[in-house]
Amino acid sequence: MHVYTCIYRCTPAISRALFWRWSLAPSLAPALSSRKRVSERPVSTAPVLVLVDMATCWSRSVIIGEISNFVAYIYAPAVLVTPLGALSIIVSAVLAHFMLKEKLQKMGMLGCLLCIVGSTIIVLHAPEERSISSVEEIWEFATQPAFLLYTASAIATALVLILYCAPRYGQTNIIVYIGICSVIGSLTVMSIKAIGIAIKLTLEGTNQAKYFQTWIFAMVAITCIIIQLNYLNMALDTFNTAIVSPIYYALFTSFTILASAIMFKDYSGQSASSIASELCGFITVLSGTAVLHSTRDPETPLITDLYTPLSPKVSWYIQGNGELWKQKDEDESSPSFITILRQDYFK
């Protein structure tokens, strides 16, 4: 079962990379590789076609990937599934190296190796999934005092971060937005796992839709997902992805493991050596993720207008005798000259 979990966790990255390679990249290549080709296309349709291709590719990859994640949480404990999310980072890096021709540096290879070693340790020492017969049983886990205390603490922490810290420090402190995503994300995983088990039991013949607990878990999941995605997008818009990804992975995985250990008692019955080995595996994966992201090239700004010339801007000044005098952008223009801004192609 743990092998299937690894496959489910790798599927999101594989689907994203393959759809980029086969669906999106061919449509973007003609538009971005040559300005002449872009100019030959109708002005009103070229950007629209590219955006449609992007939306189609994104929706397909997201649907396939999230279904795989959903199935993984049904059949395996969260303390196993969540840390193995690092496998998708490895698959993305390797496929990008071969398909998108993105260079994978030596330190990036070391990061991939650390992630593989850590994931192997986690799989070998992970606890087995608890057998659950109904949603009511999950509801009993969710209403035990220890998990209620964790839920109250998580909500209180999220409210403090949202209402007080985010308006004041959100644009300067990366922990604020990522902390909100991670704390709320742990509750999201618990609700999603409950919904997944309910769907599995329903498909097996035991209808779980008749229990009100199923709908409560669904409402909690939808609310938490909306909050989580909102603040994750804010973090990605404000800070560099190479910094956001490893920090978010570390915090989200840590809070999810803690929530699952409290709610489902995943570590009950395990020896101290197994628990220590799994923690060491998680630290190894975390180190590999940080190393892998540290080797990424800095992000370049996205060009939204495909028709804008890529050449620099040059100022031309008409002097009194009719001669032209060229000056660079960073130089200050003389008030006695008339400034004309042009876009030179230097052909």
C-alpha atoms as a PDB file:
ATOM      1  CA  MET A   1       0.000   0.000   0.000  1.00  0.00           C
ATOM      2  CA  HIS A   2       2.871   2.384   0.735  1.00  0.00           C
ATOM      3  CA  VAL A   3       4.178   1.833  -2.806  1.00  0.00           C
ATOM      4  CA  TYR A   4       0.810   2.901  -4.238  1.00  0.00           C
ATOM      5  CA  THR A   5       0.916   5.970  -2.006  1.00  0.00           C
ATOM      6  CA  CYS A   6       4.256   6.979  -3.517  1.00  0.00           C
ATOM      7  CA  ILE A   7       2.782   6.599  -7.002  1.00  0.00           C
ATOM      8  CA  TYR A   8      -0.241   8.717  -6.080  1.00  0.00           C
ATOM      9  CA  ARG A   9       2.010  11.459  -4.697  1.00  0.00           C
ATOM     10  CA  CYS A  10       4.168  11.517  -7.856  1.00  0.00           C
ATOM     11  CA  THR A  11       1.197  11.691 -10.219  1.00  0.00           C
ATOM     12  CA  PRO A  12       0.486  15.449  -9.756  1.00  0.00           C
ATOM     13  CA  ALA A  13       3.982  16.435 -10.883  1.00  0.00           C
ATOM     14  CA  ILE A  14       3.932  13.960 -13.777  1.00  0.00           C
ATOM     15  CA  SER A  15       0.582  15.245 -15.014  1.00  0.00           C
ATOM     16  CA  ARG A  16       1.661  18.882 -14.816  1.00  0.00           C
ATOM     17  CA  ALA A  17       4.913  18.243 -16.657  1.00  0.00           C
ATOM     18  CA  LEU A  18       3.388  16.056 -19.363  1.00  0.00           C
ATOM     19  CA  PHE A  19       0.535  18.431 -20.103  1.00  0.00           C
ATOM     20  CA  TRP A  20       3.010  21.307 -20.241  1.00  0.00           C
ATOM     21  CA  ARG A  21       5.194  19.352 -22.658  1.00  0.00           C
ATOM     22  CA  TRP A  22       2.433  18.067 -24.928  1.00  0.00           C
ATOM     23  CA  SER A  23      -0.361  20.628 -24.657  1.00  0.00           C
ATOM     24  CA  LEU A  24       0.958  23.982 -23.535  1.00  0.00           C
ATOM     25  CA  ALA A  25       4.559  24.185 -24.718  1.00  0.00           C
ATOM     26  CA  PRO A  26       3.784  23.660 -28.441  1.00  0.00           C
ATOM     27  CA  SER A  27       1.244  26.481 -28.354  1.00  0.00           C
ATOM     28  CA  LEU A  28       3.542  28.910 -26.548  1.00  0.00           C
ATOM     29  CA  ALA A  29       6.680  28.120 -28.518  1.00  0.00           C
ATOM     30  CA  PRO A  30       5.670  29.823 -31.767  1.00  0.00           C
ATOM     31  CA  ALA A  31       4.448  32.869 -29.888  1.00  0.00           C
ATOM     32  CA  LEU A  32       7.508  33.355 -27.715  1.00  0.00           C
ATOM     33  CA  SER A  33      10.291  32.252 -30.037  1.00  0.00           C
ATOM     34  CA  SER A  34       9.690  34.688 -32.880  1.00  0.00           C
ATOM     35  CA  ARG A  35       8.079  38.112 -32.934  1.00  0.00           C
ATOM     36  CA  LYS A  36       7.539  37.749 -36.651  1.00  0.00           C
ATOM     37  CA  ARG A  37       5.360  34.682 -36.197  1.00  0.00           C
ATOM     38  CA  VAL A  38       3.313  36.393 -33.536  1.00  0.00           C
ATOM     39  CA  SER A  39       2.752  39.411 -35.724  1.00  0.00           C
ATOM     40  CA  GLU A  40       1.435  37.191 -38.497  1.00  0.00           C
ATOM     41  CA  ARG A  41      -1.383  35.969 -36.257  1.00  0.00           C
ATOM     42  CA  PRO A  42      -4.538  38.075 -35.853  1.00  0.00           C
ATOM     43  CA  VAL A  43      -4.080  40.636 -33.101  1.00  0.00           C
ATOM     44  CA  SER A  44      -7.332  39.755 -31.415  1.00  0.00           C
ATOM     45  CA  THR A  45      -6.856  35.973 -31.281  1.00  0.00           C
ATOM     46  CA  ALA A  46      -3.192  35.174 -30.525  1.00  0.00           C
ATOM     47  CA  PRO A  47      -3.194  35.996 -26.770  1.00  0.00           C
ATOM     48  CA  VAL A  48      -6.641  34.452 -26.375  1.00  0.00           C
ATOM     49  CA  LEU A  49      -5.539  31.161 -27.914  1.00  0.00           C
ATOM     50  CA  VAL A  50      -2.474  31.012 -25.680  1.00  0.00           C
ATOM     51  CA  LEU A  51      -4.539  31.737 -22.559  1.00  0.00           C
ATOM     52  CA  VAL A  52      -7.104  29.111 -23.537  1.00  0.00           C
ATOM     53  CA  ASP A  53      -4.328  26.544 -23.963  1.00  0.00           C
ATOM     54  CA  MET A  54      -2.896  27.522 -20.568  1.00  0.00           C
ATOM     55  CA  ALA A  55      -6.289  27.231 -18.867  1.00  0.00           C
ATOM     56  CA  THR A  56      -6.961  23.848 -20.475  1.00  0.00           C
ATOM     57  CA  CYS A  57      -3.551  22.480 -19.515  1.00  0.00           C
ATOM     58  CA  TRP A  58      -3.788  23.823 -15.972  1.00  0.00           C
ATOM     59  CA  SER A  59      -7.277  22.430 -15.372  1.00  0.00           C
ATOM     60  CA  ARG A  60      -6.351  18.958 -16.651  1.00  0.00           C
ATOM     61  CA  SER A  61      -3.187  18.726 -14.591  1.00  0.00           C
ATOM     62  CA  VAL A  62      -4.835  20.052 -11.444  1.00  0.00           C
ATOM     63  CA  ILE A  63      -7.777  17.654 -11.718  1.00  0.00           C
ATOM     64  CA  ILE A  64      -5.585  14.591 -12.258  1.00  0.00           C
ATOM     65  CA  GLY A  65      -3.101  15.622  -9.585  1.00  0.00           C
ATOM     66  CA  GLU A  66      -5.633  16.442  -6.903  1.00  0.00           C
ATOM     67  CA  ILE A  67      -7.588  13.248  -7.529  1.00  0.00           C
ATOM     68  CA  SER A  68      -4.358  11.331  -6.940  1.00  0.00           C
ATOM     69  CA  ASN A  69      -3.715  13.236  -3.712  1.00  0.00           C
ATOM     70  CA  PHE A  70      -7.291  12.574  -2.637  1.00  0.00           C
ATOM     71  CA  VAL A  71      -6.937   8.828  -3.207  1.00  0.00           C
ATOM     72  CA  ALA A  72      -3.631   8.772  -1.332  1.00  0.00           C
ATOM     73  CA  TYR A  73      -5.215  10.289   1.772  1.00  0.00           C
ATOM     74  CA  ILE A  74      -7.978   7.679   1.671  1.00  0.00           C
ATOM     75  CA  TYR A  75      -5.717   4.648   1.759  1.00  0.00           C
ATOM     76  CA  ALA A  76      -2.747   5.856   3.809  1.00  0.00           C
ATOM     77  CA  PRO A  77      -2.211   7.874   7.001  1.00  0.00           C
ATOM     78  CA  ALA A  78      -1.542  11.585   6.647  1.00  0.00           C
ATOM     79  CA  VAL A  79       1.797  11.220   8.463  1.00  0.00           C
ATOM     80  CA  LEU A  80       2.938   9.195   5.434  1.00  0.00           C
ATOM     81  CA  VAL A  81       1.182  10.970   2.562  1.00  0.00           C
ATOM     82  CA  THR A  82       2.040  14.572   3.435  1.00  0.00           C
ATOM     83  CA  PRO A  83       5.857  14.224   3.724  1.00  0.00           C
ATOM     84  CA  LEU A  84       5.900  12.277   0.451  1.00  0.00           C
ATOM     85  CA  GLY A  85       4.757  15.440  -1.277  1.00  0.00           C
ATOM     86  CA  ALA A  86       8.478  16.067  -1.770  1.00  0.00           C
ATOM     87  CA  LEU A  87       8.429  13.318  -4.418  1.00  0.00           C
ATOM     88  CA  SER A  88       6.444  15.611  -6.690  1.00  0.00           C
ATOM     89  CA  ILE A  89       9.233  18.180  -6.393  1.00  0.00           C
ATOM     90  CA  ILE A  90      11.762  15.574  -7.542  1.00  0.00           C
ATOM     91  CA  VAL A  91       9.618  14.438 -10.461  1.00  0.00           C
ATOM     92  CA  SER A  92       9.028  18.057 -11.512  1.00  0.00           C
ATOM     93  CA  ALA A  93      12.746  18.828 -11.445  1.00  0.00           C
ATOM     94  CA  VAL A  94      13.718  15.696 -13.399  1.00  0.00           C
ATOM     95  CA  LEU A  95      11.000  16.061 -16.041  1.00  0.00           C
ATOM     96  CA  ALA A  96      11.775  19.762 -16.431  1.00  0.00           C
ATOM     97  CA  HIS A  97      15.417  18.818 -17.023  1.00  0.00           C
ATOM     98  CA  PHE A  98      14.616  16.382 -19.833  1.00  0.00           C
ATOM     99  CA  MET A  99      11.434  17.843 -21.338  1.00  0.00           C
ATOM    100  CA  LEU A 100      11.727  21.586 -20.811  1.00  0.00           C
ATOM    101  CA  LYS A 101      15.540  21.655 -21.038  1.00  0.00           C
ATOM    102  CA  GLU A 102      15.895  23.300 -17.617  1.00  0.00           C
ATOM    103  CA  LYS A 103      19.369  22.656 -16.244  1.00  0.00           C
ATOM    104  CA  LEU A 104      19.486  20.513 -13.094  1.00  0.00           C
ATOM    105  CA  GLN A 105      22.637  21.496 -11.225  1.00  0.00           C
ATOM    106  CA  LYS A 106      24.773  19.206  -9.087  1.00  0.00           C
ATOM    107  CA  MET A 107      23.368  20.637  -5.865  1.00  0.00           C
ATOM    108  CA  GLY A 108      19.906  20.052  -7.293  1.00  0.00           C
ATOM    109  CA  MET A 109      20.818  16.396  -7.860  1.00  0.00           C
ATOM    110  CA  LEU A 110      22.003  16.214  -4.249  1.00  0.00           C
ATOM    111  CA  GLY A 111      18.669  17.662  -3.126  1.00  0.00           C
ATOM    112  CA  CYS A 112      16.801  15.030  -5.136  1.00  0.00           C
ATOM    113  CA  LEU A 113      18.937  12.292  -3.590  1.00  0.00           C
ATOM    114  CA  LEU A 114      18.231  13.574  -0.074  1.00  0.00           C
ATOM    115  CA  CYS A 115      14.494  13.643  -0.809  1.00  0.00           C
ATOM    116  CA  ILE A 116      14.588  10.065  -2.105  1.00  0.00           C
ATOM    117  CA  VAL A 117      16.540   8.806   0.921  1.00  0.00           C
ATOM    118  CA  GLY A 118      14.267  10.610   3.358  1.00  0.00           C
ATOM    119  CA  SER A 119      11.117   9.390   1.606  1.00  0.00           C
ATOM    120  CA  THR A 120      12.405   5.815   1.709  1.00  0.00           C
ATOM    121  CA  ILE A 121      13.007   6.071   5.454  1.00  0.00           C
ATOM    122  CA  ILE A 122       9.506   7.467   5.972  1.00  0.00           C
ATOM    123  CA  VAL A 123       7.880   4.695   3.929  1.00  0.00           C
ATOM    124  CA  LEU A 124       9.793   1.939   5.748  1.00  0.00           C
ATOM    125  CA  HIS A 125       8.795   3.190   9.204  1.00  0.00           C
ATOM    126  CA  ALA A 126       5.337   4.651   8.508  1.00  0.00           C
ATOM    127  CA  PRO A 127       2.382   3.378  10.556  1.00  0.00           C
ATOM    128  CA  GLU A 128      -0.374   1.348   8.963  1.00  0.00           C
ATOM    129  CA  GLU A 129      -3.719   2.910   8.094  1.00  0.00           C
ATOM    130  CA  ARG A 130      -6.393   2.477  10.760  1.00  0.00           C
ATOM    131  CA  SER A 131      -9.486   0.558   9.637  1.00  0.00           C
ATOM    132  CA  ILE A 132     -12.559   2.794   9.856  1.00  0.00           C
ATOM    133  CA  SER A 133     -16.103   1.554   9.323  1.00  0.00           C
ATOM    134  CA  SER A 134     -18.167   4.779   9.299  1.00  0.00           C
ATOM    135  CA  VAL A 135     -18.030   8.561   9.366  1.00  0.00           C
ATOM    136  CA  GLU A 136     -19.392   8.474  12.897  1.00  0.00           C
ATOM    137  CA  GLU A 137     -16.161   6.812  13.978  1.00  0.00           C
ATOM    138  CA  ILE A 138     -14.151   9.652  12.409  1.00  0.00           C
ATOM    139  CA  TRP A 139     -16.450  12.119  14.157  1.00  0.00           C
ATOM    140  CA  GLU A 140     -15.535  10.527  17.473  1.00  0.00           C
ATOM    141  CA  PHE A 141     -11.873  11.082  16.673  1.00  0.00           C
ATOM    142  CA  ALA A 142     -12.562  14.696  15.737  1.00  0.00           C
ATOM    143  CA  THR A 143     -14.511  15.463  18.915  1.00  0.00           C
ATOM    144  CA  GLN A 144     -12.031  14.038  21.389  1.00  0.00           C
ATOM    145  CA  PRO A 145     -10.710  16.696  23.809  1.00  0.00           C
ATOM    146  CA  ALA A 146      -7.130  16.631  22.512  1.00  0.00           C
ATOM    147  CA  PHE A 147      -8.128  17.337  18.913  1.00  0.00           C
ATOM    148  CA  LEU A 148     -10.723  19.918  19.927  1.00  0.00           C
ATOM    149  CA  LEU A 149      -7.951  21.734  21.797  1.00  0.00           C
ATOM    150  CA  TYR A 150      -5.749  21.573  18.701  1.00  0.00           C
ATOM    151  CA  THR A 151      -8.584  22.839  16.485  1.00  0.00           C
ATOM    152  CA  ALA A 152      -9.308  25.750  18.828  1.00  0.00           C
ATOM    153  CA  SER A 153      -5.613  26.631  18.974  1.00  0.00           C
ATOM    154  CA  ALA A 154      -5.304  26.450  15.176  1.00  0.00           C
ATOM    155  CA  ILE A 155      -8.337  28.696  14.629  1.00  0.00           C
ATOM    156  CA  ALA A 156      -7.157  31.188  17.244  1.00  0.00           C
ATOM    157  CA  THR A 157      -3.672  31.304  15.705  1.00  0.00           C
ATOM    158  CA  ALA A 158      -5.118  31.772  12.220  1.00  0.00           C
ATOM    159  CA  LEU A 159      -7.395  34.605  13.397  1.00  0.00           C
ATOM    160  CA  VAL A 160      -4.489  36.417  15.047  1.00  0.00           C
ATOM    161  CA  LEU A 161      -2.405  36.076  11.899  1.00  0.00           C
ATOM    162  CA  ILE A 162      -5.261  37.163   9.619  1.00  0.00           C
ATOM    163  CA  LEU A 163      -6.668  40.046  11.649  1.00  0.00           C
ATOM    164  CA  TYR A 164      -3.562  41.459  13.316  1.00  0.00           C
ATOM    165  CA  CYS A 165      -0.345  40.254  11.682  1.00  0.00           C
ATOM    166  CA  ALA A 166      -1.328  40.130   8.000  1.00  0.00           C
ATOM    167  CA  PRO A 167      -2.291  43.837   7.642  1.00  0.00           C
ATOM    168  CA  ARG A 168       0.864  44.950   9.462  1.00  0.00           C
ATOM    169  CA  TYR A 169       3.578  42.436   8.579  1.00  0.00           C
ATOM    170  CA  GLY A 170       2.196  40.387   5.679  1.00  0.00           C
ATOM    171  CA  GLN A 171       4.203  42.212   3.020  1.00  0.00           C
ATOM    172  CA  THR A 172       7.507  41.939   4.895  1.00  0.00           C
ATOM    173  CA  ASN A 173       7.365  38.723   6.929  1.00  0.00           C
ATOM    174  CA  ILE A 174       7.002  35.529   4.904  1.00  0.00           C
ATOM    175  CA  ILE A 175       5.887  33.489   7.928  1.00  0.00           C
ATOM    176  CA  VAL A 176       2.569  35.348   8.218  1.00  0.00           C
ATOM    177  CA  TYR A 177       0.904  34.179   5.004  1.00  0.00           C
ATOM    178  CA  ILE A 178       2.569  30.767   5.048  1.00  0.00           C
ATOM    179  CA  GLY A 179       1.624  30.279   8.698  1.00  0.00           C
ATOM    180  CA  ILE A 180      -2.037  30.866   7.861  1.00  0.00           C
ATOM    181  CA  CYS A 181      -1.862  28.376   4.981  1.00  0.00           C
ATOM    182  CA  SER A 182      -0.106  25.752   7.079  1.00  0.00           C
ATOM    183  CA  VAL A 183      -2.346  25.935  10.152  1.00  0.00           C
ATOM    184  CA  ILE A 184      -5.556  25.963   8.130  1.00  0.00           C
ATOM    185  CA  GLY A 185      -4.105  23.354   5.764  1.00  0.00           C
ATOM    186  CA  SER A 186      -3.764  20.824   8.569  1.00  0.00           C
ATOM    187  CA  LEU A 187      -7.522  21.093   9.206  1.00  0.00           C
ATOM    188  CA  THR A 188      -8.115  20.822   5.459  1.00  0.00           C
ATOM    189  CA  VAL A 189      -6.263  17.503   5.284  1.00  0.00           C
ATOM    190  CA  MET A 190      -8.216  16.052   8.213  1.00  0.00           C
ATOM    191  CA  SER A 191     -11.533  17.042   6.608  1.00  0.00           C
ATOM    192  CA  ILE A 192     -10.501  15.785   3.175  1.00  0.00           C
ATOM    193  CA  LYS A 193      -9.446  12.455   4.654  1.00  0.00           C
ATOM    194  CA  ALA A 194     -12.843  12.123   6.353  1.00  0.00           C
ATOM    195  CA  ILE A 195     -14.674  12.917   3.105  1.00  0.00           C
ATOM    196  CA  GLY A 196     -12.513  10.464   1.174  1.00  0.00           C
ATOM    197  CA  ILE A 197     -13.226   7.665   3.605  1.00  0.00           C
ATOM    198  CA  ALA A 198     -16.943   8.480   3.428  1.00  0.00           C
ATOM    199  CA  ILE A 199     -16.870   8.248  -0.382  1.00  0.00           C
ATOM    200  CA  LYS A 200     -14.952   4.970  -0.249  1.00  0.00           C
ATOM    201  CA  LEU A 201     -17.441   3.440   2.207  1.00  0.00           C
ATOM    202  CA  THR A 202     -20.365   4.682   0.116  1.00  0.00           C
ATOM    203  CA  LEU A 203     -18.932   3.062  -3.013  1.00  0.00           C
ATOM    204  CA  GLU A 204     -18.530  -0.163  -1.069  1.00  0.00           C
ATOM    205  CA  GLY A 205     -22.260  -0.169  -0.291  1.00  0.00           C
ATOM    206  CA  THR A 206     -22.516   1.663   3.036  1.00  0.00           C
ATOM    207  CA  ASN A 207     -24.147   5.022   2.384  1.00  0.00           C
ATOM    208  CA  GLN A 208     -22.450   7.759   4.426  1.00  0.00           C
ATOM    209  CA  ALA A 209     -24.384  10.704   2.965  1.00  0.00           C
ATOM    210  CA  LYS A 210     -27.181  10.105   5.449  1.00  0.00           C
ATOM    211  CA  TYR A 211     -24.956  11.176   8.341  1.00  0.00           C
ATOM    212  CA  PHE A 212     -24.825  14.901   9.092  1.00  0.00           C
ATOM    213  CA  GLN A 213     -21.157  14.534  10.066  1.00  0.00           C
ATOM    214  CA  THR A 214     -20.271  13.948   6.412  1.00  0.00           C
ATOM    215  CA  TRP A 215     -21.691  17.337   5.408  1.00  0.00           C
ATOM    216  CA  ILE A 216     -19.995  19.091   8.309  1.00  0.00           C
ATOM    217  CA  PHE A 217     -16.644  17.710   7.163  1.00  0.00           C
ATOM    218  CA  ALA A 218     -17.451  18.864   3.611  1.00  0.00           C
ATOM    219  CA  MET A 219     -18.274  22.435   4.718  1.00  0.00           C
ATOM    220  CA  VAL A 220     -15.126  22.619   6.843  1.00  0.00           C
ATOM    221  CA  ALA A 221     -13.033  21.361   3.933  1.00  0.00           C
ATOM    222  CA  ILE A 222     -14.457  23.908   1.471  1.00  0.00           C
ATOM    223  CA  THR A 223     -13.976  26.800   3.907  1.00  0.00           C
ATOM    224  CA  CYS A 224     -10.411  25.810   4.768  1.00  0.00           C
ATOM    225  CA  ILE A 225      -9.462  25.266   1.110  1.00  0.00           C
ATOM    226  CA  ILE A 226     -10.677  28.750   0.155  1.00  0.00           C
ATOM    227  CA  ILE A 227      -8.722  30.393   2.986  1.00  0.00           C
ATOM    228  CA  GLN A 228      -5.631  28.293   2.307  1.00  0.00           C
ATOM    229  CA  LEU A 229      -5.521  29.007  -1.427  1.00  0.00           C
ATOM    230  CA  ASN A 230      -6.163  32.706  -0.902  1.00  0.00           C
ATOM    231  CA  TYR A 231      -3.224  33.246   1.425  1.00  0.00           C
ATOM    232  CA  LEU A 232      -0.974  30.877  -0.499  1.00  0.00           C
ATOM    233  CA  ASN A 233      -1.527  32.984  -3.610  1.00  0.00           C
ATOM    234  CA  MET A 234      -0.786  36.116  -1.591  1.00  0.00           C
ATOM    235  CA  ALA A 235       2.482  34.570  -0.390  1.00  0.00           C
ATOM    236  CA  LEU A 236       3.491  33.593  -3.929  1.00  0.00           C
ATOM    237  CA  ASP A 237       2.625  37.063  -5.236  1.00  0.00           C
ATOM    238  CA  THR A 238       4.655  38.771  -2.510  1.00  0.00           C
ATOM    239  CA  PHE A 239       7.725  36.562  -2.132  1.00  0.00           C
ATOM    240  CA  ASN A 240       9.952  34.434  -4.352  1.00  0.00           C
ATOM    241  CA  THR A 241       8.656  30.932  -5.051  1.00  0.00           C
ATOM    242  CA  ALA A 242      12.069  29.421  -4.291  1.00  0.00           C
ATOM    243  CA  ILE A 243      11.709  30.752  -0.741  1.00  0.00           C
ATOM    244  CA  VAL A 244       7.993  30.133  -0.276  1.00  0.00           C
ATOM    245  CA  SER A 245       7.984  26.467  -1.375  1.00  0.00           C
ATOM    246  CA  PRO A 246      10.427  24.942   1.161  1.00  0.00           C
ATOM    247  CA  ILE A 247       9.075  26.999   4.078  1.00  0.00           C
ATOM    248  CA  TYR A 248       5.493  26.132   3.185  1.00  0.00           C
ATOM    249  CA  TYR A 249       6.392  22.459   2.786  1.00  0.00           C
ATOM    250  CA  ALA A 250       8.070  22.397   6.207  1.00  0.00           C
ATOM    251  CA  LEU A 251       5.294  24.170   8.115  1.00  0.00           C
ATOM    252  CA  PHE A 252       2.382  22.511   6.325  1.00  0.00           C
ATOM    253  CA  THR A 253       3.846  19.031   6.737  1.00  0.00           C
ATOM    254  CA  SER A 254       4.691  19.630  10.401  1.00  0.00           C
ATOM    255  CA  PHE A 255       1.207  20.861  11.324  1.00  0.00           C
ATOM    256  CA  THR A 256      -0.458  18.090   9.311  1.00  0.00           C
ATOM    257  CA  ILE A 257       1.607  15.386  11.002  1.00  0.00           C
ATOM    258  CA  LEU A 258       0.772  16.902  14.392  1.00  0.00           C
ATOM    259  CA  ALA A 259      -2.958  17.095  13.611  1.00  0.00           C
ATOM    260  CA  SER A 260      -3.077  13.542  12.273  1.00  0.00           C
ATOM    261  CA  ALA A 261      -1.123  12.180  15.233  1.00  0.00           C
ATOM    262  CA  ILE A 262      -3.585  13.820  17.618  1.00  0.00           C
ATOM    263  CA  MET A 263      -6.788  12.946  15.748  1.00  0.00           C
ATOM    264  CA  PHE A 264      -6.083   9.451  14.443  1.00  0.00           C
ATOM    265  CA  LYS A 265      -3.356   8.507  16.941  1.00  0.00           C
ATOM    266  CA  ASP A 266      -1.142   7.331  14.098  1.00  0.00           C
ATOM    267  CA  TYR A 267       1.859   6.716  16.332  1.00  0.00           C
ATOM    268  CA  SER A 268       0.060   4.664  18.962  1.00  0.00           C
ATOM    269  CA  GLY A 269       1.591   1.188  19.135  1.00  0.00           C
ATOM    270  CA  GLN A 270       4.768   2.201  17.345  1.00  0.00           C
ATOM    271  CA  SER A 271       8.170   1.872  18.945  1.00  0.00           C
ATOM    272  CA  ALA A 272      10.277   4.870  19.805  1.00  0.00           C
ATOM    273  CA  SER A 273      12.867   3.853  17.205  1.00  0.00           C
ATOM    274  CA  SER A 274      10.261   3.829  14.421  1.00  0.00           C
ATOM    275  CA  ILE A 275       8.991   7.273  15.409  1.00  0.00           C
ATOM    276  CA  ALA A 276      12.552   8.628  15.599  1.00  0.00           C
ATOM    277  CA  SER A 277      13.409   7.096  12.224  1.00  0.00           C
ATOM    278  CA  GLU A 278      10.378   8.696  10.584  1.00  0.00           C
ATOM    279  CA  LEU A 279      11.258  12.090  12.074  1.00  0.00           C
ATOM    280  CA  CYS A 280      14.821  11.717  10.767  1.00  0.00           C
ATOM    281  CA  GLY A 281      13.423  10.847   7.350  1.00  0.00           C
ATOM    282  CA  PHE A 282      11.245  13.963   7.421  1.00  0.00           C
ATOM    283  CA  ILE A 283      14.229  16.150   8.344  1.00  0.00           C
ATOM    284  CA  THR A 284      16.209  14.582   5.491  1.00  0.00           C
ATOM    285  CA  VAL A 285      13.403  15.297   3.030  1.00  0.00           C
ATOM    286  CA  LEU A 286      13.148  18.847   4.340  1.00  0.00           C
ATOM    287  CA  SER A 287      16.883  19.359   3.826  1.00  0.00           C
ATOM    288  CA  GLY A 288      16.710  17.988   0.299  1.00  0.00           C
ATOM    289  CA  THR A 289      13.772  20.249  -0.526  1.00  0.00           C
ATOM    290  CA  ALA A 290      15.647  23.317   0.713  1.00  0.00           C
ATOM    291  CA  VAL A 291      18.771  22.365  -1.262  1.00  0.00           C
ATOM    292  CA  LEU A 292      16.761  21.681  -4.422  1.00  0.00           C
ATOM    293  CA  HIS A 293      14.932  25.005  -4.281  1.00  0.00           C
ATOM    294  CA  SER A 294      18.126  26.918  -3.503  1.00  0.00           C
ATOM    295  CA  THR A 295      19.525  25.891  -6.912  1.00  0.00           C
ATOM    296  CA  ARG A 296      16.611  27.322  -8.864  1.00  0.00           C
ATOM    297  CA  ASP A 297      17.251  30.241 -11.165  1.00  0.00           C
ATOM    298  CA  PRO A 298      15.703  33.545 -10.089  1.00  0.00           C
ATOM    299  CA  GLU A 299      12.295  34.184 -11.527  1.00  0.00           C
ATOM    300  CA  THR A 300      12.000  36.498 -14.501  1.00  0.00           C
ATOM    301  CA  PRO A 301       8.996  38.780 -14.915  1.00  0.00           C
ATOM    302  CA  LEU A 302       6.254  37.410 -17.127  1.00  0.00           C
ATOM    303  CA  ILE A 303       5.724  39.207 -20.433  1.00  0.00           C
ATOM    304  CA  THR A 304       1.973  39.636 -20.734  1.00  0.00           C
ATOM    305  CA  ASP A 305       2.012  41.540 -24.025  1.00  0.00           C
ATOM    306  CA  LEU A 306       3.381  39.299 -26.761  1.00  0.00           C
ATOM    307  CA  TYR A 307       3.536  42.207 -29.211  1.00  0.00           C
ATOM    308  CA  THR A 308       5.720  44.511 -27.151  1.00  0.00           C
ATOM    309  CA  PRO A 309       9.232  44.764 -28.680  1.00  0.00           C
ATOM    310  CA  LEU A 310      12.000  43.387 -26.492  1.00  0.00           C
ATOM    311  CA  SER A 311      14.539  46.068 -27.447  1.00  0.00           C
ATOM    312  CA  PRO A 312      15.582  48.807 -25.002  1.00  0.00           C
ATOM    313  CA  LYS A 313      14.062  52.261 -24.953  1.00  0.00           C
ATOM    314  CA  VAL A 314      16.171  55.102 -26.313  1.00  0.00           C
ATOM    315  CA  SER A 315      15.588  58.846 -26.067  1.00  0.00           C
ATOM    316  CA  TRP A 316      16.272  61.031 -29.110  1.00  0.00           C
ATOM    317  CA  TYR A 317      16.677  64.775 -28.797  1.00  0.00           C
ATOM    318  CA  ILE A 318      16.189  67.316 -31.617  1.00  0.00           C
ATOM    319  CA  GLN A 319      18.645  70.142 -31.316  1.00  0.00           C
ATOM    320  CA  GLY A 320      18.238  73.618 -32.757  1.00  0.00           C
ATOM    321  CA  ASN A 321      20.336  72.861 -35.881  1.00  0.00           C
ATOM    322  CA  GLY A 322      18.153  69.856 -36.745  1.00  0.00           C
ATOM    323  CA  GLU A 323      20.713  67.222 -35.681  1.00  0.00           C
ATOM    324  CA  LEU A 324      19.701  64.219 -33.635  1.00  0.00           C
ATOM    325  CA  TRP A 325      21.452  63.437 -30.389  1.00  0.00           C
ATOM    326  CA  LYS A 326      20.913  60.010 -28.766  1.00  0.00           C
ATOM    327  CA  GLN A 327      20.923  59.535 -24.988  1.00  0.00           C
ATOM    328  CA  LYS A 328      20.468  56.501 -22.721  1.00  0.00           C
ATOM    329  CA  ASP A 329      17.414  56.057 -20.510  1.00  0.00           C
ATOM    330  CA  GLU A 330      19.308  56.524 -17.251  1.00  0.00           C
ATOM    331  CA  ASP A 331      20.714  59.892 -18.314  1.00  0.00           C
ATOM    332  CA  GLU A 332      18.816  63.023 -17.455  1.00  0.00           C
ATOM    333  CA  SER A 333      17.384  64.917 -20.424  1.00  0.00           C
ATOM    334  CA  SER A 334      18.102  68.554 -20.931  1.00  0.00           C
ATOM    335  CA  PRO A 335      15.096  70.863 -20.518  1.00  0.00           C
ATOM    336  CA  SER A 336      16.039  72.729 -23.731  1.00  0.00           C
ATOM    337  CA  PHE A 337      15.510  69.619 -25.869  1.00  0.00           C
ATOM    338  CA  ILE A 338      12.308  68.047 -27.148  1.00  0.00           C
ATOM    339  CA  THR A 339      12.193  64.379 -26.025  1.00  0.00           C
ATOM    340  CA  ILE A 340      10.929  61.741 -28.440  1.00  0.00           C
ATOM    341  CA  LEU A 341      10.599  58.181 -27.126  1.00  0.00           C
ATOM    342  CA  ARG A 342      11.036  55.395 -29.660  1.00  0.00           C
ATOM    343  CA  GLN A 343      11.263  51.605 -29.644  1.00  0.00           C
ATOM    344  CA  ASP A 344      14.307  50.666 -31.737  1.00  0.00           C
ATOM    345  CA  TYR A 345      14.602  47.110 -33.027  1.00  0.00           C
ATOM    346  CA  PHE A 346      18.268  47.506 -33.975  1.00  0.00           C
ATOM    347  CA  LYS A 347      17.734  45.478 -37.141  1.00  0.00           C
END
